[in-house]
PDB file of N, CA and C in Angstrom:
ATOM      1  N   MET A   1      17.725 -44.220  -3.580  1.00  0.00           N
ATOM      2  CA  MET A   1      17.131 -45.134  -2.653  1.00  0.00           C
ATOM      3  C   MET A   1      18.201 -45.542  -1.650  1.00  0.00           C
ATOM      4  N   ILE A   2      17.803 -45.628  -0.417  1.00  0.00           N
ATOM      5  CA  ILE A   2      18.741 -45.979   0.637  1.00  0.00           C
ATOM      6  C   ILE A   2      18.613 -47.467   0.920  1.00  0.00           C
ATOM      7  N   LYS A   3      19.774 -48.175   0.914  1.00  0.00           N
ATOM      8  CA  LYS A   3      19.794 -49.603   1.216  1.00  0.00           C
ATOM      9  C   LYS A   3      20.284 -49.796   2.635  1.00  0.00           C
ATOM     10  N   ILE A   4      19.735 -50.765   3.262  1.00  0.00           N
ATOM     11  CA  ILE A   4      20.156 -51.070   4.614  1.00  0.00           C
ATOM     12  C   ILE A   4      21.131 -52.235   4.534  1.00  0.00           C
ATOM     13  N   ALA A   5      22.280 -52.050   5.133  1.00  0.00           N
ATOM     14  CA  ALA A   5      23.309 -53.087   5.081  1.00  0.00           C
ATOM     15  C   ALA A   5      22.858 -54.279   5.916  1.00  0.00           C
ATOM     16  N   GLU A   6      22.999 -55.459   5.315  1.00  0.00           N
ATOM     17  CA  GLU A   6      22.563 -56.664   6.015  1.00  0.00           C
ATOM     18  C   GLU A   6      23.483 -56.991   7.171  1.00  0.00           C
ATOM     19  N   GLU A   7      24.763 -56.673   7.034  1.00  0.00           N
ATOM     20  CA  GLU A   7      25.675 -57.045   8.101  1.00  0.00           C
ATOM     21  C   GLU A   7      25.521 -56.146   9.317  1.00  0.00           C
ATOM     22  N   ASN A   8      24.964 -54.950   9.105  1.00  0.00           N
ATOM     23  CA  ASN A   8      24.750 -54.066  10.243  1.00  0.00           C
ATOM     24  C   ASN A   8      23.389 -54.376  10.849  1.00  0.00           C
ATOM     25  N   LYS A   9      23.413 -54.825  12.040  1.00  0.00           N
ATOM     26  CA  LYS A   9      22.167 -55.164  12.707  1.00  0.00           C
ATOM     27  C   LYS A   9      21.504 -53.920  13.280  1.00  0.00           C
ATOM     28  N   ASP A  10      22.245 -52.837  13.416  1.00  0.00           N
ATOM     29  CA  ASP A  10      21.657 -51.621  13.987  1.00  0.00           C
ATOM     30  C   ASP A  10      20.928 -50.790  12.932  1.00  0.00           C
ATOM     31  N   GLN A  11      20.840 -51.309  11.730  1.00  0.00           N
ATOM     32  CA  GLN A  11      20.064 -50.714  10.639  1.00  0.00           C
ATOM     33  C   GLN A  11      20.604 -49.336  10.236  1.00  0.00           C
ATOM     34  N   THR A  12      21.888 -49.188  10.076  1.00  0.00           N
ATOM     35  CA  THR A  12      22.487 -47.950   9.614  1.00  0.00           C
ATOM     36  C   THR A  12      22.319 -47.861   8.105  1.00  0.00           C
ATOM     37  N   PRO A  13      21.744 -46.754   7.584  1.00  0.00           N
ATOM     38  CA  PRO A  13      21.549 -46.636   6.138  1.00  0.00           C
ATOM     39  C   PRO A  13      22.875 -46.479   5.410  1.00  0.00           C
ATOM     40  N   VAL A  14      22.949 -47.073   4.236  1.00  0.00           N
ATOM     41  CA  VAL A  14      24.134 -46.995   3.401  1.00  0.00           C
ATOM     42  C   VAL A  14      23.746 -46.246   2.135  1.00  0.00           C
ATOM     43  N   PRO A  15      24.500 -45.209   1.750  1.00  0.00           N
ATOM     44  CA  PRO A  15      24.152 -44.460   0.539  1.00  0.00           C
ATOM     45  C   PRO A  15      24.342 -45.332  -0.695  1.00  0.00           C
ATOM     46  N   PRO A  16      23.535 -45.098  -1.735  1.00  0.00           N
ATOM     47  CA  PRO A  16      23.651 -45.911  -2.952  1.00  0.00           C
ATOM     48  C   PRO A  16      24.984 -45.653  -3.651  1.00  0.00           C
ATOM     49  N   GLN A  17      25.521 -46.676  -4.260  1.00  0.00           N
ATOM     50  CA  GLN A  17      26.779 -46.581  -4.982  1.00  0.00           C
ATOM     51  C   GLN A  17      26.486 -46.318  -6.454  1.00  0.00           C
ATOM     52  N   PRO A  18      27.176 -45.350  -7.058  1.00  0.00           N
ATOM     53  CA  PRO A  18      26.929 -45.089  -8.487  1.00  0.00           C
ATOM     54  C   PRO A  18      27.447 -46.259  -9.335  1.00  0.00           C
ATOM     55  N   ASN A  19      26.741 -46.484 -10.452  1.00  0.00           N
ATOM     56  CA  ASN A  19      27.185 -47.530 -11.385  1.00  0.00           C
ATOM     57  C   ASN A  19      28.466 -47.083 -12.064  1.00  0.00           C
ATOM     58  N   LYS A  20      29.342 -48.008 -12.285  1.00  0.00           N
ATOM     59  CA  LYS A  20      30.608 -47.674 -12.923  1.00  0.00           C
ATOM     60  C   LYS A  20      30.423 -47.382 -14.408  1.00  0.00           C
ATOM     61  N   ASP A  21      29.349 -47.889 -14.991  1.00  0.00           N
ATOM     62  CA  ASP A  21      29.093 -47.666 -16.412  1.00  0.00           C
ATOM     63  C   ASP A  21      28.514 -46.270 -16.675  1.00  0.00           C
ATOM     64  N   GLN A  22      27.867 -45.709 -15.683  1.00  0.00           N
ATOM     65  CA  GLN A  22      27.230 -44.404 -15.886  1.00  0.00           C
ATOM     66  C   GLN A  22      28.239 -43.286 -15.659  1.00  0.00           C
ATOM     67  N   GLU A  23      28.104 -42.251 -16.467  1.00  0.00           N
ATOM     68  CA  GLU A  23      28.936 -41.072 -16.275  1.00  0.00           C
ATOM     69  C   GLU A  23      28.208 -40.149 -15.297  1.00  0.00           C
ATOM     70  N   PRO A  24      28.927 -39.400 -14.532  1.00  0.00           N
ATOM     71  CA  PRO A  24      28.261 -38.475 -13.607  1.00  0.00           C
ATOM     72  C   PRO A  24      27.438 -37.453 -14.399  1.00  0.00           C
ATOM     73  N   GLU A  25      26.311 -37.070 -13.810  1.00  0.00           N
ATOM     74  CA  GLU A  25      25.433 -36.111 -14.490  1.00  0.00           C
ATOM     75  C   GLU A  25      26.082 -34.739 -14.495  1.00  0.00           C
ATOM     76  N   THR A  26      26.035 -34.117 -15.647  1.00  0.00           N
ATOM     77  CA  THR A  26      26.549 -32.750 -15.757  1.00  0.00           C
ATOM     78  C   THR A  26      25.356 -31.816 -15.822  1.00  0.00           C
ATOM     79  N   PRO A  27      25.471 -30.675 -15.212  1.00  0.00           N
ATOM     80  CA  PRO A  27      24.340 -29.748 -15.270  1.00  0.00           C
ATOM     81  C   PRO A  27      24.097 -29.293 -16.702  1.00  0.00           C
ATOM     82  N   SER A  28      22.839 -29.105 -17.025  1.00  0.00           N
ATOM     83  CA  SER A  28      22.498 -28.677 -18.382  1.00  0.00           C
ATOM     84  C   SER A  28      22.946 -27.235 -18.585  1.00  0.00           C
ATOM     85  N   PRO A  29      23.375 -26.911 -19.780  1.00  0.00           N
ATOM     86  CA  PRO A  29      23.804 -25.528 -20.033  1.00  0.00           C
ATOM     87  C   PRO A  29      22.604 -24.592 -19.941  1.00  0.00           C
ATOM     88  N   ILE A  30      22.894 -23.333 -19.679  1.00  0.00           N
ATOM     89  CA  ILE A  30      21.838 -22.333 -19.567  1.00  0.00           C
ATOM     90  C   ILE A  30      21.163 -22.188 -20.915  1.00  0.00           C
ATOM     91  N   SER A  31      19.838 -22.168 -20.869  1.00  0.00           N
ATOM     92  CA  SER A  31      19.100 -22.076 -22.127  1.00  0.00           C
ATOM     93  C   SER A  31      19.395 -20.744 -22.797  1.00  0.00           C
ATOM     94  N   PRO A  32      19.458 -20.734 -24.104  1.00  0.00           N
ATOM     95  CA  PRO A  32      19.780 -19.489 -24.810  1.00  0.00           C
ATOM     96  C   PRO A  32      18.646 -18.480 -24.680  1.00  0.00           C
ATOM     97  N   VAL A  33      18.982 -17.234 -24.901  1.00  0.00           N
ATOM     98  CA  VAL A  33      18.026 -16.141 -24.852  1.00  0.00           C
ATOM     99  C   VAL A  33      17.049 -16.307 -26.009  1.00  0.00           C
ATOM    100  N   PRO A  34      15.780 -15.893 -25.852  1.00  0.00           N
ATOM    101  CA  PRO A  34      14.824 -16.015 -26.950  1.00  0.00           C
ATOM    102  C   PRO A  34      15.342 -15.396 -28.250  1.00  0.00           C
ATOM    103  N   ASP A  35      14.666 -15.743 -29.341  1.00  0.00           N
ATOM    104  CA  ASP A  35      15.118 -15.314 -30.664  1.00  0.00           C
ATOM    105  C   ASP A  35      15.153 -13.799 -30.831  1.00  0.00           C
ATOM    106  N   SER A  36      14.285 -13.074 -30.123  1.00  0.00           N
ATOM    107  CA  SER A  36      14.274 -11.624 -30.299  1.00  0.00           C
ATOM    108  C   SER A  36      15.491 -11.019 -29.609  1.00  0.00           C
ATOM    109  N   PRO A  37      16.048 -10.009 -30.210  1.00  0.00           N
ATOM    110  CA  PRO A  37      17.202  -9.354 -29.590  1.00  0.00           C
ATOM    111  C   PRO A  37      16.787  -8.738 -28.255  1.00  0.00           C
ATOM    112  N   PRO A  38      17.701  -8.668 -27.312  1.00  0.00           N
ATOM    113  CA  PRO A  38      17.351  -8.146 -25.990  1.00  0.00           C
ATOM    114  C   PRO A  38      16.872  -6.706 -26.024  1.00  0.00           C
ATOM    115  N   SER A  39      17.360  -5.915 -26.958  1.00  0.00           N
ATOM    116  CA  SER A  39      16.940  -4.517 -27.001  1.00  0.00           C
ATOM    117  C   SER A  39      15.457  -4.403 -27.329  1.00  0.00           C
ATOM    118  N   GLU A  40      14.954  -5.255 -28.239  1.00  0.00           N
ATOM    119  CA  GLU A  40      13.534  -5.210 -28.573  1.00  0.00           C
ATOM    120  C   GLU A  40      12.701  -5.658 -27.384  1.00  0.00           C
ATOM    121  N   ASP A  41      13.197  -6.640 -26.652  1.00  0.00           N
ATOM    122  CA  ASP A  41      12.473  -7.110 -25.481  1.00  0.00           C
ATOM    123  C   ASP A  41      12.390  -6.011 -24.430  1.00  0.00           C
ATOM    124  N   LEU A  42      13.490  -5.312 -24.206  1.00  0.00           N
ATOM    125  CA  LEU A  42      13.498  -4.219 -23.238  1.00  0.00           C
ATOM    126  C   LEU A  42      12.584  -3.082 -23.682  1.00  0.00           C
ATOM    127  N   ILE A  43      12.595  -2.811 -24.970  1.00  0.00           N
ATOM    128  CA  ILE A  43      11.750  -1.736 -25.497  1.00  0.00           C
ATOM    129  C   ILE A  43      10.280  -2.088 -25.319  1.00  0.00           C
ATOM    130  N   SER A  44       9.920  -3.328 -25.604  1.00  0.00           N
ATOM    131  CA  SER A  44       8.507  -3.717 -25.448  1.00  0.00           C
ATOM    132  C   SER A  44       8.102  -3.689 -23.981  1.00  0.00           C
ATOM    133  N   GLN A  45       9.015  -4.072 -23.088  1.00  0.00           N
ATOM    134  CA  GLN A  45       8.701  -3.996 -21.660  1.00  0.00           C
ATOM    135  C   GLN A  45       8.528  -2.548 -21.217  1.00  0.00           C
ATOM    136  N   ALA A  46       9.375  -1.672 -21.727  1.00  0.00           N
ATOM    137  CA  ALA A  46       9.280  -0.256 -21.376  1.00  0.00           C
ATOM    138  C   ALA A  46       7.984   0.344 -21.908  1.00  0.00           C
ATOM    139  N   ASN A  47       7.591  -0.039 -23.126  1.00  0.00           N
ATOM    140  CA  ASN A  47       6.335   0.458 -23.686  1.00  0.00           C
ATOM    141  C   ASN A  47       5.150  -0.019 -22.859  1.00  0.00           C
ATOM    142  N   ALA A  48       5.167  -1.272 -22.448  1.00  0.00           N
ATOM    143  CA  ALA A  48       4.075  -1.804 -21.631  1.00  0.00           C
ATOM    144  C   ALA A  48       4.010  -1.070 -20.294  1.00  0.00           C
ATOM    145  N   ALA A  49       5.168  -0.791 -19.715  1.00  0.00           N
ATOM    146  CA  ALA A  49       5.196  -0.066 -18.447  1.00  0.00           C
ATOM    147  C   ALA A  49       4.669   1.359 -18.632  1.00  0.00           C
ATOM    148  N   ALA A  50       5.022   1.989 -19.737  1.00  0.00           N
ATOM    149  CA  ALA A  50       4.554   3.354 -20.008  1.00  0.00           C
ATOM    150  C   ALA A  50       3.038   3.380 -20.155  1.00  0.00           C
ATOM    151  N   ILE A  51       2.478   2.381 -20.804  1.00  0.00           N
ATOM    152  CA  ILE A  51       1.023   2.307 -20.967  1.00  0.00           C
ATOM    153  C   ILE A  51       0.354   2.155 -19.605  1.00  0.00           C
ATOM    154  N   ARG A  52       0.918   1.289 -18.755  1.00  0.00           N
ATOM    155  CA  ARG A  52       0.339   1.108 -17.421  1.00  0.00           C
ATOM    156  C   ARG A  52       0.410   2.396 -16.614  1.00  0.00           C
ATOM    157  N   ILE A  53       1.507   3.124 -16.742  1.00  0.00           N
ATOM    158  CA  ILE A  53       1.658   4.386 -16.008  1.00  0.00           C
ATOM    159  C   ILE A  53       0.658   5.422 -16.499  1.00  0.00           C
ATOM    160  N   GLU A  54       0.450   5.490 -17.813  1.00  0.00           N
ATOM    161  CA  GLU A  54      -0.511   6.447 -18.360  1.00  0.00           C
ATOM    162  C   GLU A  54      -1.924   6.140 -17.871  1.00  0.00           C
ATOM    163  N   GLU A  55      -2.291   4.853 -17.831  1.00  0.00           N
ATOM    164  CA  GLU A  55      -3.614   4.472 -17.342  1.00  0.00           C
ATOM    165  C   GLU A  55      -3.764   4.834 -15.861  1.00  0.00           C
ATOM    166  N   ALA A  56      -2.718   4.595 -15.088  1.00  0.00           N
ATOM    167  CA  ALA A  56      -2.768   4.931 -13.666  1.00  0.00           C
ATOM    168  C   ALA A  56      -2.880   6.444 -13.467  1.00  0.00           C
ATOM    169  N   ASN A  57      -2.191   7.218 -14.310  1.00  0.00           N
ATOM    170  CA  ASN A  57      -2.282   8.680 -14.224  1.00  0.00           C
ATOM    171  C   ASN A  57      -3.696   9.163 -14.522  1.00  0.00           C
ATOM    172  N   LYS A  58      -4.351   8.559 -15.517  1.00  0.00           N
ATOM    173  CA  LYS A  58      -5.732   8.944 -15.840  1.00  0.00           C
ATOM    174  C   LYS A  58      -6.663   8.658 -14.667  1.00  0.00           C
ATOM    175  N   LYS A  59      -6.506   7.478 -14.066  1.00  0.00           N
ATOM    176  CA  LYS A  59      -7.346   7.133 -12.913  1.00  0.00           C
ATOM    177  C   LYS A  59      -7.079   8.093 -11.760  1.00  0.00           C
ATOM    178  N   GLN A  60      -5.823   8.423 -11.531  1.00  0.00           N
ATOM    179  CA  GLN A  60      -5.469   9.327 -10.445  1.00  0.00           C
ATOM    180  C   GLN A  60      -6.060  10.712 -10.681  1.00  0.00           C
ATOM    181  N   GLU A  61      -6.023  11.163 -11.931  1.00  0.00           N
ATOM    182  CA  GLU A  61      -6.593  12.468 -12.263  1.00  0.00           C
ATOM    183  C   GLU A  61      -8.101  12.480 -12.008  1.00  0.00           C
ATOM    184  N   GLU A  62      -8.791  11.397 -12.372  1.00  0.00           N
ATOM    185  CA  GLU A  62     -10.227  11.300 -12.112  1.00  0.00           C
ATOM    186  C   GLU A  62     -10.508  11.342 -10.613  1.00  0.00           C
ATOM    187  N   LEU A  63      -9.696  10.643  -9.832  1.00  0.00           N
ATOM    188  CA  LEU A  63      -9.899  10.635  -8.381  1.00  0.00           C
ATOM    189  C   LEU A  63      -9.659  12.017  -7.780  1.00  0.00           C
ATOM    190  N   ILE A  64      -8.665  12.725  -8.285  1.00  0.00           N
ATOM    191  CA  ILE A  64      -8.388  14.074  -7.786  1.00  0.00           C
ATOM    192  C   ILE A  64      -9.548  15.004  -8.124  1.00  0.00           C
ATOM    193  N   ASN A  65     -10.076  14.895  -9.348  1.00  0.00           N
ATOM    194  CA  ASN A  65     -11.213  15.736  -9.734  1.00  0.00           C
ATOM    195  C   ASN A  65     -12.425  15.454  -8.853  1.00  0.00           C
ATOM    196  N   ARG A  66     -12.666  14.178  -8.566  1.00  0.00           N
ATOM    197  CA  ARG A  66     -13.797  13.832  -7.696  1.00  0.00           C
ATOM    198  C   ARG A  66     -13.595  14.393  -6.293  1.00  0.00           C
ATOM    199  N   ALA A  67     -12.384  14.314  -5.776  1.00  0.00           N
ATOM    200  CA  ALA A  67     -12.101  14.838  -4.440  1.00  0.00           C
ATOM    201  C   ALA A  67     -12.291  16.357  -4.398  1.00  0.00           C
ATOM    202  N   GLU A  68     -11.885  17.035  -5.473  1.00  0.00           N
ATOM    203  CA  GLU A  68     -12.071  18.482  -5.538  1.00  0.00           C
ATOM    204  C   GLU A  68     -13.558  18.830  -5.546  1.00  0.00           C
ATOM    205  N   GLN A  69     -14.342  18.082  -6.329  1.00  0.00           N
ATOM    206  CA  GLN A  69     -15.785  18.317  -6.390  1.00  0.00           C
ATOM    207  C   GLN A  69     -16.424  18.108  -5.020  1.00  0.00           C
ATOM    208  N   GLN A  70     -16.021  17.071  -4.316  1.00  0.00           N
ATOM    209  CA  GLN A  70     -16.574  16.817  -2.988  1.00  0.00           C
ATOM    210  C   GLN A  70     -16.217  17.940  -2.024  1.00  0.00           C
ATOM    211  N   LYS A  71     -15.000  18.438  -2.115  1.00  0.00           N
ATOM    212  CA  LYS A  71     -14.573  19.526  -1.240  1.00  0.00           C
ATOM    213  C   LYS A  71     -15.381  20.794  -1.529  1.00  0.00           C
ATOM    214  N   VAL A  72     -15.622  21.088  -2.814  1.00  0.00           N
ATOM    215  CA  VAL A  72     -16.406  22.267  -3.182  1.00  0.00           C
ATOM    216  C   VAL A  72     -17.824  22.131  -2.645  1.00  0.00           C
ATOM    217  N   GLU A  73     -18.424  20.956  -2.827  1.00  0.00           N
ATOM    218  CA  GLU A  73     -19.787  20.751  -2.334  1.00  0.00           C
ATOM    219  C   GLU A  73     -19.847  20.838  -0.817  1.00  0.00           C
ATOM    220  N   GLN A  74     -18.821  20.371  -0.143  1.00  0.00           N
ATOM    221  CA  GLN A  74     -18.796  20.409   1.312  1.00  0.00           C
ATOM    222  C   GLN A  74     -18.701  21.856   1.802  1.00  0.00           C
ATOM    223  N   VAL A  75     -17.866  22.638   1.142  1.00  0.00           N
ATOM    224  CA  VAL A  75     -17.673  24.015   1.580  1.00  0.00           C
ATOM    225  C   VAL A  75     -18.894  24.870   1.238  1.00  0.00           C
ATOM    226  N   LEU A  76     -19.409  24.712   0.035  1.00  0.00           N
ATOM    227  CA  LEU A  76     -20.495  25.582  -0.408  1.00  0.00           C
ATOM    228  C   LEU A  76     -21.884  25.091  -0.016  1.00  0.00           C
ATOM    229  N   GLY A  77     -22.055  23.833   0.187  1.00  0.00           N
ATOM    230  CA  GLY A  77     -23.391  23.308   0.437  1.00  0.00           C
ATOM    231  C   GLY A  77     -23.618  22.918   1.880  1.00  0.00           C
ATOM    232  N   GLY A  78     -24.734  23.431   2.459  1.00  0.00           N
ATOM    233  CA  GLY A  78     -25.150  22.981   3.769  1.00  0.00           C
ATOM    234  C   GLY A  78     -24.360  23.517   4.928  1.00  0.00           C
ATOM    235  N   LYS A  79     -23.598  24.543   4.761  1.00  0.00           N
ATOM    236  CA  LYS A  79     -22.802  25.083   5.857  1.00  0.00           C
ATOM    237  C   LYS A  79     -23.351  26.417   6.356  1.00  0.00           C
ATOM    238  N   ALA A  80     -24.558  26.794   5.949  1.00  0.00           N
ATOM    239  CA  ALA A  80     -25.114  28.077   6.358  1.00  0.00           C
ATOM    240  C   ALA A  80     -25.481  28.034   7.835  1.00  0.00           C
ATOM    241  N   ASP A  81     -25.362  29.159   8.504  1.00  0.00           N
ATOM    242  CA  ASP A  81     -25.698  29.270   9.913  1.00  0.00           C
ATOM    243  C   ASP A  81     -27.100  29.841  10.074  1.00  0.00           C
ATOM    244  N   ALA A  82     -28.008  29.445   9.239  1.00  0.00           N
ATOM    245  CA  ALA A  82     -29.369  29.986   9.255  1.00  0.00           C
ATOM    246  C   ALA A  82     -30.075  29.604  10.547  1.00  0.00           C
ATOM    247  N   GLY A  83     -30.764  30.585  11.129  1.00  0.00           N
ATOM    248  CA  GLY A  83     -31.560  30.337  12.321  1.00  0.00           C
ATOM    249  C   GLY A  83     -30.768  30.336  13.610  1.00  0.00           C
ATOM    250  N   GLN A  84     -29.512  30.551  13.578  1.00  0.00           N
ATOM    251  CA  GLN A  84     -28.717  30.546  14.798  1.00  0.00           C
ATOM    252  C   GLN A  84     -28.381  31.980  15.195  1.00  0.00           C
ATOM    253  N   GLN A  85     -28.421  32.232  16.481  1.00  0.00           N
ATOM    254  CA  GLN A  85     -28.102  33.561  16.988  1.00  0.00           C
ATOM    255  C   GLN A  85     -26.599  33.639  17.240  1.00  0.00           C
ATOM    256  N   PRO A  86     -25.985  34.724  16.838  1.00  0.00           N
ATOM    257  CA  PRO A  86     -24.562  34.867  17.155  1.00  0.00           C
ATOM    258  C   PRO A  86     -24.399  35.022  18.667  1.00  0.00           C
ATOM    259  N   PRO A  87     -23.284  34.629  19.202  1.00  0.00           N
ATOM    260  CA  PRO A  87     -23.098  34.766  20.642  1.00  0.00           C
ATOM    261  C   PRO A  87     -23.135  36.237  21.058  1.00  0.00           C
ATOM    262  N   LYS A  88     -23.817  36.485  22.166  1.00  0.00           N
ATOM    263  CA  LYS A  88     -23.971  37.853  22.631  1.00  0.00           C
ATOM    264  C   LYS A  88     -22.725  38.268  23.402  1.00  0.00           C
ATOM    265  N   GLU A  89     -22.181  39.411  23.040  1.00  0.00           N
ATOM    266  CA  GLU A  89     -20.998  39.912  23.740  1.00  0.00           C
ATOM    267  C   GLU A  89     -21.450  40.728  24.945  1.00  0.00           C
ATOM    268  N   GLU A  90     -20.711  40.569  25.991  1.00  0.00           N
ATOM    269  CA  GLU A  90     -21.053  41.236  27.240  1.00  0.00           C
ATOM    270  C   GLU A  90     -20.317  42.577  27.329  1.00  0.00           C
ATOM    271  N   SER A  91     -21.046  43.616  27.671  1.00  0.00           N
ATOM    272  CA  SER A  91     -20.398  44.921  27.828  1.00  0.00           C
ATOM    273  C   SER A  91     -19.768  44.994  29.218  1.00  0.00           C
ATOM    274  N   ASP A  92     -18.948  46.002  29.397  1.00  0.00           N
ATOM    275  CA  ASP A  92     -18.287  46.187  30.692  1.00  0.00           C
ATOM    276  C   ASP A  92     -19.305  46.473  31.795  1.00  0.00           C
ATOM    277  N   GLU A  93     -20.347  47.224  31.454  1.00  0.00           N
ATOM    278  CA  GLU A  93     -21.369  47.579  32.446  1.00  0.00           C
ATOM    279  C   GLU A  93     -22.136  46.332  32.882  1.00  0.00           C
ATOM    280  N   ASP A  94     -22.469  45.464  31.907  1.00  0.00           N
ATOM    281  CA  ASP A  94     -23.190  44.240  32.259  1.00  0.00           C
ATOM    282  C   ASP A  94     -22.323  43.331  33.129  1.00  0.00           C
ATOM    283  N   TYR A  95     -21.050  43.258  32.852  1.00  0.00           N
ATOM    284  CA  TYR A  95     -20.146  42.431  33.643  1.00  0.00           C
ATOM    285  C   TYR A  95     -20.043  42.980  35.064  1.00  0.00           C
ATOM    286  N   ALA A  96     -19.975  44.295  35.180  1.00  0.00           N
ATOM    287  CA  ALA A  96     -19.888  44.923  36.512  1.00  0.00           C
ATOM    288  C   ALA A  96     -21.142  44.627  37.326  1.00  0.00           C
ATOM    289  N   LYS A  97     -22.312  44.668  36.695  1.00  0.00           N
ATOM    290  CA  LYS A  97     -23.562  44.367  37.393  1.00  0.00           C
ATOM    291  C   LYS A  97     -23.552  42.926  37.886  1.00  0.00           C
ATOM    292  N   LYS A  98     -23.081  42.010  37.060  1.00  0.00           N
ATOM    293  CA  LYS A  98     -23.045  40.600  37.467  1.00  0.00           C
ATOM    294  C   LYS A  98     -22.101  40.400  38.642  1.00  0.00           C
ATOM    295  N   VAL A  99     -20.986  41.112  38.632  1.00  0.00           N
ATOM    296  CA  VAL A  99     -20.034  40.984  39.728  1.00  0.00           C
ATOM    297  C   VAL A  99     -20.663  41.507  41.014  1.00  0.00           C
ATOM    298  N   MET A 100     -21.331  42.616  40.927  1.00  0.00           N
ATOM    299  CA  MET A 100     -21.948  43.215  42.124  1.00  0.00           C
ATOM    300  C   MET A 100     -23.070  42.322  42.660  1.00  0.00           C
ATOM    301  N   GLU A 101     -23.775  41.629  41.776  1.00  0.00           N
ATOM    302  CA  GLU A 101     -24.846  40.738  42.193  1.00  0.00           C
ATOM    303  C   GLU A 101     -24.352  39.342  42.549  1.00  0.00           C
ATOM    304  N   ASN A 102     -23.048  39.110  42.393  1.00  0.00           N
ATOM    305  CA  ASN A 102     -22.426  37.802  42.633  1.00  0.00           C
ATOM    306  C   ASN A 102     -23.079  36.726  41.747  1.00  0.00           C
ATOM    307  N   ASP A 103     -23.289  37.074  40.488  1.00  0.00           N
ATOM    308  CA  ASP A 103     -23.967  36.189  39.530  1.00  0.00           C
ATOM    309  C   ASP A 103     -23.017  35.738  38.446  1.00  0.00           C
ATOM    310  N   ILE A 104     -21.748  35.526  38.793  1.00  0.00           N
ATOM    311  CA  ILE A 104     -20.759  35.127  37.798  1.00  0.00           C
ATOM    312  C   ILE A 104     -20.538  33.634  37.924  1.00  0.00           C
ATOM    313  N   ASP A 105     -20.551  32.957  36.760  1.00  0.00           N
ATOM    314  CA  ASP A 105     -20.261  31.528  36.722  1.00  0.00           C
ATOM    315  C   ASP A 105     -18.751  31.354  36.721  1.00  0.00           C
ATOM    316  N   THR A 106     -18.240  30.694  37.725  1.00  0.00           N
ATOM    317  CA  THR A 106     -16.804  30.425  37.759  1.00  0.00           C
ATOM    318  C   THR A 106     -16.561  28.999  37.327  1.00  0.00           C
ATOM    319  N   LYS A 107     -15.580  28.855  36.540  1.00  0.00           N
ATOM    320  CA  LYS A 107     -15.217  27.506  36.055  1.00  0.00           C
ATOM    321  C   LYS A 107     -14.046  27.025  36.886  1.00  0.00           C
ATOM    322  N   GLU A 108     -14.237  25.914  37.520  1.00  0.00           N
ATOM    323  CA  GLU A 108     -13.167  25.386  38.357  1.00  0.00           C
ATOM    324  C   GLU A 108     -12.559  24.185  37.727  1.00  0.00           C
TER     325      GLU A 108
END
């Protein structure tokens, strides 16, 4: 708590003075490690991580299989060119006739 000195009319805060009877606070020591040895704790953490990785691998494998199935269906299903005429190729004679008739489409 900050006390305001009575003699200072400009209201300058004065820091609190520690009691002479009190000892300064010492920081508490670091709490000890849990009762289980650290190696067992690390092993259990590693096992938990391995389980999570295995579950993620299974999900990833399922997603890859689904993507493969979709790709197969996309390639094999519904891509037929039924009812469409292939583009007609122009022979040299037909091209010559068009040139002589001035019937060539020029792209500008």
